[in-house]
Amino acid sequence: MAREVDKNCVEGNCFAINDKSHGVGDNKLNIVYKANYTGQICTAKFRITSKDGSVVKEYMIAQDAKPVYYNIKMVQPFTKDDCLANQHGSVVLYVVEERTYKSFISQEDADAKAMEDIALNGQKYANEHGECITDIWYNEEQRKTFIRNNCDKFSDGQEYVYIVPEGKYVSSISQEDADRKALEDIEKNDFNLNIPRYVDNFEKEEEVDINGLLEDMQKTDDEIGKVEGEFVNLLKDLTSSDENIMASLNRYIDMIEG
């Protein structure tokens, strides 16, 4: 009986190292091995022949095969988190495709490997592939009531409400900074408000390209909408045998789609 077989040989060309005491050292061992990965049985066929080609012995061995488990497709969104203080990061989807990881233990073990991949690499991937979007704030409406105080002694000054309309000033720092600019406008024009309201003594403020800013905001909204659409499509591809998980997933999808 053979004690060792060359693992690199091909079918029909493998010479066994036999036990010399049995007097079969010149025999030739032919091995046919078939592995069925989709079933539960692996088979091996052994044939021992002499130098003249006659079959000395032939037999089959069958044994249970270890099942192989592959991970399901997994998707998780990450937000780029290394932007400047006046920026926010875009959302990036990190995907582990199905059959990326395998396990001979269980389906849960294969999926755990995919989840570990997400935990280790998801945020790094988002920081490398995401975008930093500059935040833009517009002032809220600001107003202050003034009373004309340069009338003659026989007349009373009328009230005048000075209004800084919403959106006149813009800031890439914060909402408070945009509102501060509007309040500075009021303070700067305090003395000018003591003359008749139809006289324009205000200094001309720097013009703001509102159309350009609106276009930038629209592009940002479009990018967010595109990412949300891709995210929903990927969520719809997910499946689970757990009805509670699928119900929660469908509710989440409905919430995103509005």
Protein backbone atom coordinates (compact mmCIF):
# COMPACT_ATOMS: atom_id res chain seq x y z
CA MET A 1 0.00 0.00 0.00
CA ALA A 2 1.31 3.48 -0.89
CA ARG A 3 2.59 5.69 1.92
CA GLU A 4 3.13 8.90 -0.08
CA VAL A 5 2.07 10.32 -3.46
CA ASP A 6 3.59 13.27 -5.37
CA LYS A 7 1.00 16.07 -4.88
CA ASN A 8 2.05 17.85 -8.08
CA CYS A 9 1.53 14.88 -10.42
CA VAL A 10 -1.18 14.70 -13.06
CA GLU A 11 -3.79 12.03 -13.49
CA GLY A 12 -2.33 8.79 -14.81
CA ASN A 13 1.29 9.77 -14.23
CA CYS A 14 1.85 9.41 -10.50
CA PHE A 15 4.30 6.78 -9.22
CA ALA A 16 3.73 5.77 -5.64
CA ILE A 17 6.46 5.26 -3.08
CA ASN A 18 5.39 1.81 -1.93
CA ASP A 19 6.26 -0.39 0.97
CA LYS A 20 9.17 -2.48 -0.43
CA SER A 21 8.41 -5.34 1.94
CA HIS A 22 5.20 -6.00 0.04
CA GLY A 23 7.05 -6.38 -3.25
CA VAL A 24 4.96 -3.83 -5.22
CA GLY A 25 7.55 -1.04 -5.59
CA ASP A 26 7.28 -1.02 -9.39
CA ASN A 27 3.56 -0.54 -9.49
CA LYS A 28 2.03 2.66 -10.87
CA LEU A 29 -0.69 4.52 -8.92
CA ASN A 30 -3.28 6.40 -10.97
CA ILE A 31 -5.46 8.85 -9.04
CA VAL A 32 -8.68 10.49 -10.26
CA TYR A 33 -9.97 13.09 -7.80
CA LYS A 34 -13.20 14.99 -8.23
CA ALA A 35 -14.43 17.62 -5.80
CA ASN A 36 -18.06 18.69 -5.86
CA TYR A 37 -18.19 22.15 -4.27
CA THR A 38 -21.93 22.58 -4.67
CA GLY A 39 -22.83 19.24 -3.08
CA GLN A 40 -21.83 17.38 0.01
CA ILE A 41 -19.69 14.55 -1.43
CA CYS A 42 -16.07 14.44 -2.57
CA THR A 43 -14.89 11.32 -4.44
CA ALA A 44 -11.42 9.93 -5.17
CA LYS A 45 -10.69 7.03 -7.55
CA PHE A 46 -7.51 4.97 -7.08
CA ARG A 47 -6.12 2.52 -9.66
CA ILE A 48 -2.88 0.55 -9.22
CA THR A 49 -1.34 -0.83 -12.40
CA SER A 50 1.79 -2.76 -13.16
CA LYS A 51 4.48 -1.69 -15.62
CA ASP A 52 2.81 -3.68 -18.40
CA GLY A 53 -0.40 -1.66 -17.89
CA SER A 54 -2.53 -4.35 -16.28
CA VAL A 55 -4.77 -3.23 -13.40
CA VAL A 56 -3.64 -4.60 -10.07
CA LYS A 57 -6.31 -2.92 -7.94
CA GLU A 58 -8.98 -0.23 -8.32
CA TYR A 59 -11.26 1.30 -5.72
CA MET A 60 -13.30 4.47 -4.91
CA ILE A 61 -13.38 6.55 -1.75
CA ALA A 62 -16.24 8.94 -0.99
CA GLN A 63 -16.50 11.24 2.00
CA ASP A 64 -18.56 14.17 3.15
CA ALA A 65 -17.22 17.46 1.84
CA LYS A 66 -16.89 20.59 3.96
CA PRO A 67 -19.45 23.19 2.81
CA VAL A 68 -18.09 26.59 1.78
CA TYR A 69 -19.95 29.74 2.85
CA TYR A 70 -19.57 33.12 1.10
CA ASN A 71 -20.53 36.52 2.42
CA ILE A 72 -23.57 38.36 1.14
CA LYS A 73 -23.24 41.80 -0.45
CA MET A 74 -22.96 44.52 2.19
CA VAL A 75 -23.26 48.30 1.81
CA GLN A 76 -22.74 50.99 4.44
CA PRO A 77 -22.67 54.78 4.02
CA PHE A 78 -19.85 56.82 5.54
CA THR A 79 -19.49 60.61 5.75
CA LYS A 80 -16.11 62.17 4.98
CA ASP A 81 -15.00 63.58 8.34
CA ASP A 82 -11.66 65.27 7.70
CA CYS A 83 -12.96 68.54 6.18
CA LEU A 84 -12.36 72.08 7.45
CA ALA A 85 -14.56 73.68 10.10
CA ASN A 86 -16.63 75.56 7.50
CA GLN A 87 -17.16 72.48 5.33
CA HIS A 88 -19.10 69.27 5.49
CA GLY A 89 -18.16 65.96 3.94
CA SER A 90 -20.11 64.12 1.29
CA VAL A 91 -21.62 60.68 1.86
CA VAL A 92 -19.72 57.75 0.33
CA LEU A 93 -20.96 54.17 0.04
CA TYR A 94 -18.52 51.44 1.00
CA VAL A 95 -19.43 48.14 -0.69
CA VAL A 96 -18.23 44.63 0.03
CA GLU A 97 -19.36 42.53 -2.91
CA GLU A 98 -20.77 39.06 -2.35
CA ARG A 99 -18.31 36.15 -2.37
CA THR A 100 -15.45 38.44 -1.34
CA TYR A 101 -14.92 36.37 1.82
CA LYS A 102 -15.48 32.69 2.49
CA SER A 103 -15.70 30.48 5.54
CA PHE A 104 -15.70 26.76 6.23
CA ILE A 105 -17.43 27.40 9.57
CA SER A 106 -20.77 29.15 8.89
CA GLN A 107 -22.59 31.83 6.90
CA GLU A 108 -22.39 34.09 9.93
CA ASP A 109 -18.61 33.73 9.99
CA ALA A 110 -18.31 34.68 6.31
CA ASP A 111 -20.58 37.72 6.84
CA ALA A 112 -18.62 38.69 9.95
CA LYS A 113 -15.48 38.91 7.84
CA ALA A 114 -17.24 41.30 5.46
CA MET A 115 -18.48 43.42 8.37
CA GLU A 116 -14.97 43.54 9.79
CA ASP A 117 -13.76 44.82 6.42
CA ILE A 118 -16.36 47.59 6.57
CA ALA A 119 -15.42 48.54 10.14
CA LEU A 120 -11.70 48.66 9.33
CA ASN A 121 -11.79 50.35 5.92
CA GLY A 122 -15.12 52.16 5.46
CA GLN A 123 -14.25 55.51 7.01
CA LYS A 124 -10.79 55.56 5.44
CA TYR A 125 -12.36 54.93 2.04
CA ALA A 126 -14.84 57.80 2.57
CA ASN A 127 -12.06 60.20 3.54
CA GLU A 128 -10.05 59.24 0.45
CA HIS A 129 -12.91 59.33 -2.07
CA GLY A 130 -15.39 61.82 -0.58
CA GLU A 131 -15.60 65.57 -1.19
CA CYS A 132 -15.51 68.56 1.16
CA ILE A 133 -18.41 70.94 0.47
CA THR A 134 -18.14 74.53 1.69
CA ASP A 135 -21.08 75.55 3.88
CA ILE A 136 -22.92 78.78 2.97
CA TRP A 137 -25.10 80.76 5.38
CA TYR A 138 -27.36 83.72 4.62
CA ASN A 139 -28.43 86.34 7.15
CA GLU A 140 -31.89 86.27 8.63
CA GLU A 141 -33.96 89.44 8.34
CA GLN A 142 -32.80 92.11 10.79
CA ARG A 143 -34.68 95.33 11.62
CA LYS A 144 -34.46 98.29 13.98
CA THR A 145 -36.77 101.23 14.62
CA PHE A 146 -35.29 104.76 14.57
CA ILE A 147 -36.89 108.12 15.42
CA ARG A 148 -35.80 111.16 13.49
CA ASN A 149 -34.07 113.46 15.98
CA ASN A 150 -33.00 116.44 13.90
CA CYS A 151 -36.37 118.13 13.58
CA ASP A 152 -36.99 121.69 14.82
CA LYS A 153 -38.29 122.22 18.32
CA PHE A 154 -41.85 122.56 17.08
CA SER A 155 -41.92 119.18 15.34
CA ASP A 156 -41.68 115.57 16.41
CA GLY A 157 -39.61 113.10 14.48
CA GLN A 158 -41.36 110.18 12.87
CA GLU A 159 -40.45 106.55 13.35
CA TYR A 160 -38.57 104.75 10.63
CA VAL A 161 -37.96 101.00 10.52
CA TYR A 162 -34.70 100.09 8.86
CA ILE A 163 -34.76 96.56 7.46
CA VAL A 164 -31.89 94.39 6.31
CA PRO A 165 -33.66 91.77 4.17
CA GLU A 166 -33.02 88.07 4.51
CA GLY A 167 -30.20 86.85 2.30
CA LYS A 168 -28.49 90.20 1.76
CA TYR A 169 -25.28 88.99 3.40
CA VAL A 170 -23.56 85.67 3.02
CA SER A 171 -20.92 83.88 5.09
CA SER A 172 -18.87 80.74 4.65
CA ILE A 173 -18.09 80.70 8.39
CA SER A 174 -21.39 80.40 10.28
CA GLN A 175 -24.99 81.59 10.56
CA GLU A 176 -23.94 83.90 13.36
CA ASP A 177 -21.36 85.54 11.11
CA ALA A 178 -23.94 86.22 8.38
CA ASP A 179 -26.33 87.76 10.94
CA ARG A 180 -23.48 89.82 12.41
CA LYS A 181 -22.89 91.43 9.00
CA ALA A 182 -26.55 92.43 8.84
CA LEU A 183 -26.40 93.98 12.32
CA GLU A 184 -23.24 95.86 11.39
CA ASP A 185 -25.15 97.27 8.43
CA ILE A 186 -27.71 98.74 10.84
CA GLU A 187 -25.06 100.15 13.15
CA LYS A 188 -23.07 101.63 10.28
CA ASN A 189 -26.10 103.48 8.95
CA ASP A 190 -27.41 104.66 12.31
CA PHE A 191 -26.53 108.36 11.73
CA ASN A 192 -27.82 108.36 8.17
CA LEU A 193 -31.24 107.23 9.36
CA ASN A 194 -31.85 110.57 11.08
CA ILE A 195 -32.49 112.27 7.73
CA PRO A 196 -35.64 111.94 5.57
CA ARG A 197 -36.09 108.33 4.47
CA TYR A 198 -36.32 109.22 0.78
CA VAL A 199 -32.77 110.61 0.77
CA ASP A 200 -30.28 107.87 -0.04
CA ASN A 201 -27.10 108.51 1.93
CA PHE A 202 -26.25 104.85 2.44
CA GLU A 203 -22.93 103.55 1.26
CA LYS A 204 -23.24 101.05 -1.51
CA GLU A 205 -22.63 97.56 -0.22
CA GLU A 206 -20.57 95.02 -2.04
CA GLU A 207 -22.76 93.11 -4.47
CA VAL A 208 -23.27 89.43 -3.87
CA ASP A 209 -23.52 87.03 -6.81
CA ILE A 210 -26.76 85.44 -5.68
CA ASN A 211 -27.24 83.52 -8.93
CA GLY A 212 -23.80 81.99 -8.68
CA LEU A 213 -24.41 80.96 -5.08
CA LEU A 214 -27.79 79.46 -5.98
CA GLU A 215 -26.17 77.47 -8.79
CA ASP A 216 -23.58 76.07 -6.35
CA MET A 217 -26.34 75.11 -3.91
CA GLN A 218 -28.28 73.39 -6.70
CA LYS A 219 -25.21 71.39 -7.70
CA THR A 220 -24.78 70.32 -4.09
CA ASP A 221 -28.45 69.28 -3.86
CA ASP A 222 -28.13 67.32 -7.11
CA GLU A 223 -25.04 65.48 -5.83
CA ILE A 224 -26.80 64.61 -2.57
CA GLY A 225 -29.86 63.39 -4.49
CA LYS A 226 -27.69 61.23 -6.75
CA VAL A 227 -25.92 59.61 -3.80
CA GLU A 228 -29.25 59.01 -2.02
CA GLY A 229 -30.64 57.37 -5.17
CA GLU A 230 -27.63 55.06 -5.45
CA PHE A 231 -27.87 54.26 -1.76
CA VAL A 232 -31.57 53.32 -2.05
CA ASN A 233 -30.86 51.06 -5.06
CA LEU A 234 -28.13 49.27 -3.13
CA LEU A 235 -30.43 48.87 -0.12
CA LYS A 236 -33.07 47.30 -2.34
CA ASP A 237 -30.54 44.66 -3.39
CA LEU A 238 -30.08 43.49 0.20
CA THR A 239 -31.92 40.38 1.30
CA SER A 240 -32.40 38.52 4.56
CA SER A 241 -34.31 35.48 5.70
CA ASP A 242 -35.32 37.43 8.83
CA GLU A 243 -38.71 39.03 8.20
CA ASN A 244 -38.16 41.66 10.92
CA ILE A 245 -34.92 42.78 9.31
CA MET A 246 -36.56 43.02 5.86
CA ALA A 247 -39.51 44.97 7.31
CA SER A 248 -37.17 47.46 8.98
CA LEU A 249 -35.14 47.76 5.77
CA ASN A 250 -38.26 48.46 3.69
CA ARG A 251 -39.46 51.10 6.17
CA TYR A 252 -36.06 52.78 5.98
CA ILE A 253 -36.19 52.76 2.17
CA ASP A 254 -39.73 54.26 2.22
CA MET A 255 -38.55 56.97 4.61
CA ILE A 256 -35.66 57.94 2.30
CA GLU A 257 -37.84 57.94 -0.81
CA GLY A 258 -40.36 60.15 0.98
